[in-house]
Amino acid sequence: MNNNELLVQTARELAARLSNAEIDRASFRAQAIELQNENDQLKKQIKDLQDELGKQK
């Protein structure tokens, strides 16, 4: 394999790794957004339950 072929192969491998890293990053970001939304919903449920308890006293 000559230097040009090695260079092309290395560039392709690096591009594939970068693509995979971007996919992983996007996936982690989507998971973080989903968890943040779930957290917000749980906070609202807690507040609603606290309000309900306050009315019952």
Protein backbone atom coordinates (compact mmCIF):
# COMPACT_ATOMS: atom_id res chain seq x y z
CA MET A 1 0.00 0.00 0.00
CA ASN A 2 1.52 3.32 -0.97
CA ASN A 3 1.36 6.53 1.03
CA ASN A 4 -1.61 7.92 -0.90
CA GLU A 5 -3.65 4.78 -0.33
CA LEU A 6 -2.76 4.82 3.36
CA LEU A 7 -3.70 8.47 3.59
CA VAL A 8 -7.06 7.84 1.92
CA GLN A 9 -7.76 4.83 4.15
CA THR A 10 -6.84 6.80 7.27
CA ALA A 11 -9.03 9.73 6.21
CA ARG A 12 -11.97 7.35 5.65
CA GLU A 13 -11.47 5.72 9.04
CA LEU A 14 -11.29 9.10 10.75
CA ALA A 15 -14.43 10.28 8.94
CA ALA A 16 -16.28 7.13 10.04
CA ARG A 17 -15.16 7.63 13.64
CA LEU A 18 -16.23 11.27 13.55
CA SER A 19 -19.60 10.28 12.13
CA ASN A 20 -20.07 7.68 14.86
CA ALA A 21 -19.07 10.20 17.52
CA GLU A 22 -21.60 12.70 16.16
CA ILE A 23 -24.32 10.04 16.20
CA ASP A 24 -23.41 9.14 19.80
CA ARG A 25 -23.45 12.81 20.78
CA ALA A 26 -26.85 13.34 19.20
CA SER A 27 -28.18 10.24 20.93
CA PHE A 28 -26.87 11.38 24.33
CA ARG A 29 -28.35 14.83 23.74
CA ALA A 30 -31.75 13.33 22.89
CA GLN A 31 -31.59 11.19 26.03
CA ALA A 32 -30.68 14.23 28.13
CA ILE A 33 -33.60 16.21 26.71
CA GLU A 34 -35.96 13.30 27.35
CA LEU A 35 -34.73 12.94 30.93
CA GLN A 36 -35.04 16.69 31.52
CA ASN A 37 -38.64 16.58 30.27
CA GLU A 38 -39.36 13.62 32.54
CA ASN A 39 -37.78 15.47 35.45
CA ASP A 40 -39.95 18.53 34.76
CA GLN A 41 -43.07 16.34 34.70
CA LEU A 42 -42.12 14.74 38.01
CA LYS A 43 -41.53 18.16 39.58
CA LYS A 44 -44.98 19.23 38.42
CA GLN A 45 -46.53 16.06 39.85
CA ILE A 46 -44.81 16.71 43.19
CA LYS A 47 -46.06 20.30 43.23
CA ASP A 48 -49.59 19.17 42.35
CA LEU A 49 -49.52 16.56 45.13
CA GLN A 50 -48.20 19.09 47.62
CA ASP A 51 -50.98 21.49 46.61
CA GLU A 52 -53.54 18.71 47.02
CA LEU A 53 -52.20 17.85 50.47
CA GLY A 54 -52.35 21.51 51.45
CA LYS A 55 -56.02 21.63 50.48
CA GLN A 56 -56.81 18.52 52.53
CA LYS A 57 -55.38 19.93 55.76
